[in-house]
Amino acid sequence: MPKLTAAQIKKALASLPGWKRKDASITRLYEFKDFVRAMKFVNDAAKIAEQANHHPDIDIRWNKVKLTLSTHDEGGLTEKDTALARRFNSLA
């Protein structure tokens, strides 16, 4: 799968509320009412990631979950990342 161009990334991010580009990845911080809800989101996100065979970096801080996506095999962002980001947004 080819890497996205800068223009394609900009267009994709316009339709992905909360996601920001950081170098060769995109990242989003989700905030929940409490730890239990944050962990439910992480577990649901893990199931989606496993189905897609594309796994985010996950940082958990009590009620905050930060997801980072990049297609390491391609050395940057691909449609796999933006598609998964859309699915994660639908969970939150």
N, C-alpha and C. Protein backbone atom coordinates (compact mmCIF):
# COMPACT_ATOMS: atom_id res chain seq x y z
N MET A 1 0.85 -1.17 0.00
CA MET A 1 0.00 0.00 0.00
C MET A 1 0.90 1.25 0.00
N PRO A 2 0.68 2.16 -0.94
CA PRO A 2 1.57 3.32 -1.03
C PRO A 2 1.34 4.34 0.08
N LYS A 3 2.41 5.08 0.39
CA LYS A 3 2.29 6.16 1.37
C LYS A 3 1.41 7.26 0.80
N LEU A 4 0.71 7.93 1.70
CA LEU A 4 -0.10 9.08 1.29
C LEU A 4 0.80 10.29 1.06
N THR A 5 0.40 11.13 0.13
CA THR A 5 1.11 12.39 -0.09
C THR A 5 0.70 13.39 0.99
N ALA A 6 1.43 14.47 1.09
CA ALA A 6 1.10 15.52 2.07
C ALA A 6 -0.32 16.04 1.83
N ALA A 7 -0.70 16.23 0.58
CA ALA A 7 -2.05 16.71 0.26
C ALA A 7 -3.11 15.69 0.66
N GLN A 8 -2.84 14.42 0.44
CA GLN A 8 -3.80 13.37 0.82
C GLN A 8 -3.94 13.29 2.34
N ILE A 9 -2.85 13.46 3.04
CA ILE A 9 -2.90 13.43 4.52
C ILE A 9 -3.72 14.61 5.03
N LYS A 10 -3.47 15.78 4.48
CA LYS A 10 -4.20 16.98 4.90
C LYS A 10 -5.70 16.80 4.67
N LYS A 11 -6.07 16.27 3.51
CA LYS A 11 -7.48 16.03 3.19
C LYS A 11 -8.09 15.01 4.15
N ALA A 12 -7.37 13.93 4.42
CA ALA A 12 -7.87 12.89 5.32
C ALA A 12 -8.07 13.44 6.73
N LEU A 13 -7.11 14.23 7.21
CA LEU A 13 -7.21 14.77 8.57
C LEU A 13 -8.39 15.74 8.71
N ALA A 14 -8.78 16.39 7.62
CA ALA A 14 -9.93 17.29 7.67
C ALA A 14 -11.21 16.54 8.01
N SER A 15 -11.24 15.24 7.71
CA SER A 15 -12.43 14.43 8.00
C SER A 15 -12.23 13.51 9.21
N LEU A 16 -11.15 13.74 9.97
CA LEU A 16 -10.86 12.92 11.15
C LEU A 16 -10.73 13.83 12.38
N PRO A 17 -11.87 14.20 12.97
CA PRO A 17 -11.83 15.11 14.12
C PRO A 17 -10.91 14.59 15.23
N GLY A 18 -10.06 15.48 15.73
CA GLY A 18 -9.19 15.15 16.86
C GLY A 18 -7.84 14.58 16.48
N TRP A 19 -7.68 14.10 15.27
CA TRP A 19 -6.41 13.50 14.84
C TRP A 19 -5.47 14.57 14.32
N LYS A 20 -4.20 14.43 14.66
CA LYS A 20 -3.18 15.37 14.24
C LYS A 20 -1.99 14.61 13.68
N ARG A 21 -1.33 15.24 12.74
CA ARG A 21 -0.13 14.64 12.18
C ARG A 21 1.07 14.97 13.05
N LYS A 22 1.89 13.95 13.29
CA LYS A 22 3.14 14.14 13.99
C LYS A 22 4.19 13.31 13.26
N ASP A 23 5.03 14.00 12.51
CA ASP A 23 6.06 13.34 11.70
C ASP A 23 5.40 12.33 10.75
N ALA A 24 5.77 11.06 10.85
CA ALA A 24 5.26 10.03 9.95
C ALA A 24 4.10 9.26 10.55
N SER A 25 3.36 9.90 11.47
CA SER A 25 2.23 9.23 12.11
C SER A 25 1.10 10.22 12.34
N ILE A 26 -0.06 9.69 12.72
CA ILE A 26 -1.16 10.51 13.19
C ILE A 26 -1.50 10.07 14.60
N THR A 27 -1.97 11.01 15.40
CA THR A 27 -2.23 10.71 16.81
C THR A 27 -3.49 11.42 17.28
N ARG A 28 -4.14 10.81 18.26
CA ARG A 28 -5.32 11.43 18.86
C ARG A 28 -5.38 11.04 20.34
N LEU A 29 -5.79 12.02 21.14
CA LEU A 29 -6.00 11.80 22.57
C LEU A 29 -7.51 11.76 22.81
N TYR A 30 -7.97 10.66 23.37
CA TYR A 30 -9.37 10.49 23.75
C TYR A 30 -9.45 10.64 25.27
N GLU A 31 -10.51 11.29 25.74
CA GLU A 31 -10.70 11.44 27.19
C GLU A 31 -12.07 10.88 27.57
N PHE A 32 -12.09 10.10 28.65
CA PHE A 32 -13.30 9.42 29.09
C PHE A 32 -13.66 9.82 30.52
N LYS A 33 -14.85 9.43 30.95
CA LYS A 33 -15.33 9.79 32.29
C LYS A 33 -14.47 9.19 33.38
N ASP A 34 -13.99 7.96 33.15
CA ASP A 34 -13.21 7.29 34.19
C ASP A 34 -12.32 6.21 33.56
N PHE A 35 -11.56 5.55 34.39
CA PHE A 35 -10.62 4.52 33.96
C PHE A 35 -11.33 3.34 33.30
N VAL A 36 -12.45 2.92 33.87
CA VAL A 36 -13.16 1.76 33.34
C VAL A 36 -13.62 2.02 31.89
N ARG A 37 -14.14 3.21 31.64
CA ARG A 37 -14.57 3.53 30.28
C ARG A 37 -13.39 3.65 29.32
N ALA A 38 -12.30 4.19 29.82
CA ALA A 38 -11.09 4.27 29.00
C ALA A 38 -10.62 2.87 28.61
N MET A 39 -10.63 1.95 29.56
CA MET A 39 -10.19 0.59 29.29
C MET A 39 -11.16 -0.15 28.36
N LYS A 40 -12.44 0.13 28.47
CA LYS A 40 -13.40 -0.48 27.54
C LYS A 40 -13.08 -0.02 26.12
N PHE A 41 -12.81 1.27 25.95
CA PHE A 41 -12.44 1.79 24.64
C PHE A 41 -11.18 1.09 24.12
N VAL A 42 -10.17 0.93 24.97
CA VAL A 42 -8.93 0.27 24.56
C VAL A 42 -9.20 -1.17 24.12
N ASN A 43 -10.00 -1.88 24.88
CA ASN A 43 -10.30 -3.26 24.52
C ASN A 43 -11.08 -3.36 23.21
N ASP A 44 -12.04 -2.45 23.02
CA ASP A 44 -12.80 -2.43 21.76
C ASP A 44 -11.89 -2.03 20.59
N ALA A 45 -11.01 -1.07 20.82
CA ALA A 45 -10.07 -0.65 19.78
C ALA A 45 -9.12 -1.80 19.43
N ALA A 46 -8.72 -2.57 20.42
CA ALA A 46 -7.82 -3.71 20.17
C ALA A 46 -8.49 -4.74 19.27
N LYS A 47 -9.77 -4.98 19.47
CA LYS A 47 -10.49 -5.94 18.63
C LYS A 47 -10.54 -5.46 17.18
N ILE A 48 -10.81 -4.19 17.01
CA ILE A 48 -10.86 -3.62 15.65
C ILE A 48 -9.48 -3.68 15.01
N ALA A 49 -8.46 -3.33 15.76
CA ALA A 49 -7.09 -3.35 15.24
C ALA A 49 -6.68 -4.77 14.84
N GLU A 50 -7.05 -5.72 15.65
CA GLU A 50 -6.70 -7.12 15.36
C GLU A 50 -7.40 -7.59 14.08
N GLN A 51 -8.67 -7.22 13.92
CA GLN A 51 -9.40 -7.57 12.71
C GLN A 51 -8.75 -6.96 11.47
N ALA A 52 -8.25 -5.74 11.61
CA ALA A 52 -7.62 -5.04 10.50
C ALA A 52 -6.15 -5.44 10.31
N ASN A 53 -5.63 -6.18 11.26
CA ASN A 53 -4.21 -6.55 11.27
C ASN A 53 -3.32 -5.31 11.14
N HIS A 54 -3.72 -4.28 11.88
CA HIS A 54 -2.99 -3.01 11.89
C HIS A 54 -3.14 -2.44 13.30
N HIS A 55 -2.04 -2.30 14.01
CA HIS A 55 -2.10 -2.05 15.44
C HIS A 55 -1.51 -0.70 15.82
N PRO A 56 -2.26 0.09 16.60
CA PRO A 56 -1.77 1.40 17.02
C PRO A 56 -0.83 1.27 18.22
N ASP A 57 -0.04 2.31 18.43
CA ASP A 57 0.64 2.47 19.71
C ASP A 57 -0.40 3.05 20.65
N ILE A 58 -0.46 2.54 21.86
CA ILE A 58 -1.48 2.96 22.82
C ILE A 58 -0.81 3.41 24.11
N ASP A 59 -1.19 4.61 24.58
CA ASP A 59 -0.71 5.14 25.85
C ASP A 59 -1.94 5.41 26.70
N ILE A 60 -1.99 4.80 27.88
CA ILE A 60 -3.15 4.93 28.77
C ILE A 60 -2.75 5.69 30.03
N ARG A 61 -3.50 6.73 30.34
CA ARG A 61 -3.30 7.54 31.55
C ARG A 61 -4.65 7.75 32.21
N TRP A 62 -4.97 6.94 33.17
CA TRP A 62 -6.23 6.93 33.90
C TRP A 62 -7.43 7.06 32.97
N ASN A 63 -7.92 8.26 32.68
CA ASN A 63 -9.11 8.40 31.83
C ASN A 63 -8.76 8.90 30.42
N LYS A 64 -7.49 8.90 30.09
CA LYS A 64 -7.04 9.37 28.77
C LYS A 64 -6.35 8.24 28.02
N VAL A 65 -6.66 8.16 26.74
CA VAL A 65 -6.05 7.15 25.87
C VAL A 65 -5.52 7.87 24.64
N LYS A 66 -4.23 7.71 24.39
CA LYS A 66 -3.61 8.29 23.20
C LYS A 66 -3.29 7.17 22.22
N LEU A 67 -3.79 7.32 21.00
CA LEU A 67 -3.52 6.36 19.94
C LEU A 67 -2.61 7.01 18.91
N THR A 68 -1.65 6.24 18.43
CA THR A 68 -0.76 6.70 17.37
C THR A 68 -0.74 5.66 16.28
N LEU A 69 -0.93 6.11 15.05
CA LEU A 69 -0.98 5.21 13.90
C LEU A 69 0.08 5.59 12.87
N SER A 70 0.71 4.58 12.31
CA SER A 70 1.65 4.72 11.20
C SER A 70 1.81 3.34 10.57
N THR A 71 2.04 3.31 9.28
CA THR A 71 2.29 2.05 8.60
C THR A 71 3.80 1.89 8.52
N HIS A 72 4.36 1.23 9.50
CA HIS A 72 5.81 1.12 9.62
C HIS A 72 6.45 0.45 8.41
N ASP A 73 5.78 -0.55 7.84
CA ASP A 73 6.32 -1.23 6.67
C ASP A 73 6.52 -0.29 5.48
N GLU A 74 5.68 0.75 5.42
CA GLU A 74 5.75 1.71 4.32
C GLU A 74 6.55 2.96 4.70
N GLY A 75 6.89 3.08 5.97
CA GLY A 75 7.67 4.23 6.41
C GLY A 75 6.87 5.52 6.49
N GLY A 76 5.57 5.42 6.73
CA GLY A 76 4.75 6.62 6.82
C GLY A 76 3.28 6.28 6.90
N LEU A 77 2.47 7.23 6.49
CA LEU A 77 1.02 7.08 6.57
C LEU A 77 0.44 6.51 5.29
N THR A 78 -0.52 5.60 5.47
CA THR A 78 -1.23 5.02 4.33
C THR A 78 -2.73 5.06 4.62
N GLU A 79 -3.50 4.60 3.66
CA GLU A 79 -4.95 4.54 3.84
C GLU A 79 -5.31 3.62 5.01
N LYS A 80 -4.46 2.65 5.32
CA LYS A 80 -4.72 1.77 6.47
C LYS A 80 -4.84 2.60 7.75
N ASP A 81 -4.01 3.62 7.88
CA ASP A 81 -4.02 4.44 9.09
C ASP A 81 -5.28 5.29 9.18
N THR A 82 -5.63 5.94 8.08
CA THR A 82 -6.81 6.81 8.12
C THR A 82 -8.10 6.00 8.27
N ALA A 83 -8.15 4.84 7.65
CA ALA A 83 -9.33 3.98 7.79
C ALA A 83 -9.50 3.51 9.23
N LEU A 84 -8.39 3.14 9.85
CA LEU A 84 -8.47 2.69 11.25
C LEU A 84 -8.82 3.85 12.18
N ALA A 85 -8.28 5.02 11.91
CA ALA A 85 -8.61 6.21 12.71
C ALA A 85 -10.12 6.49 12.66
N ARG A 86 -10.72 6.34 11.48
CA ARG A 86 -12.18 6.54 11.36
C ARG A 86 -12.92 5.55 12.24
N ARG A 87 -12.47 4.31 12.24
CA ARG A 87 -13.15 3.28 13.05
C ARG A 87 -13.00 3.56 14.55
N PHE A 88 -11.81 4.04 14.94
CA PHE A 88 -11.62 4.38 16.36
C PHE A 88 -12.50 5.55 16.75
N ASN A 89 -12.64 6.54 15.89
CA ASN A 89 -13.51 7.67 16.20
C ASN A 89 -14.96 7.22 16.39
N SER A 90 -15.39 6.21 15.63
CA SER A 90 -16.75 5.73 15.78
C SER A 90 -17.00 5.04 17.12
N LEU A 91 -15.92 4.56 17.74
CA LEU A 91 -16.04 3.93 19.07
C LEU A 91 -16.25 4.96 20.19
N ALA A 92 -15.60 6.10 20.02
CA ALA A 92 -15.55 7.10 21.10
C ALA A 92 -16.80 7.89 21.19
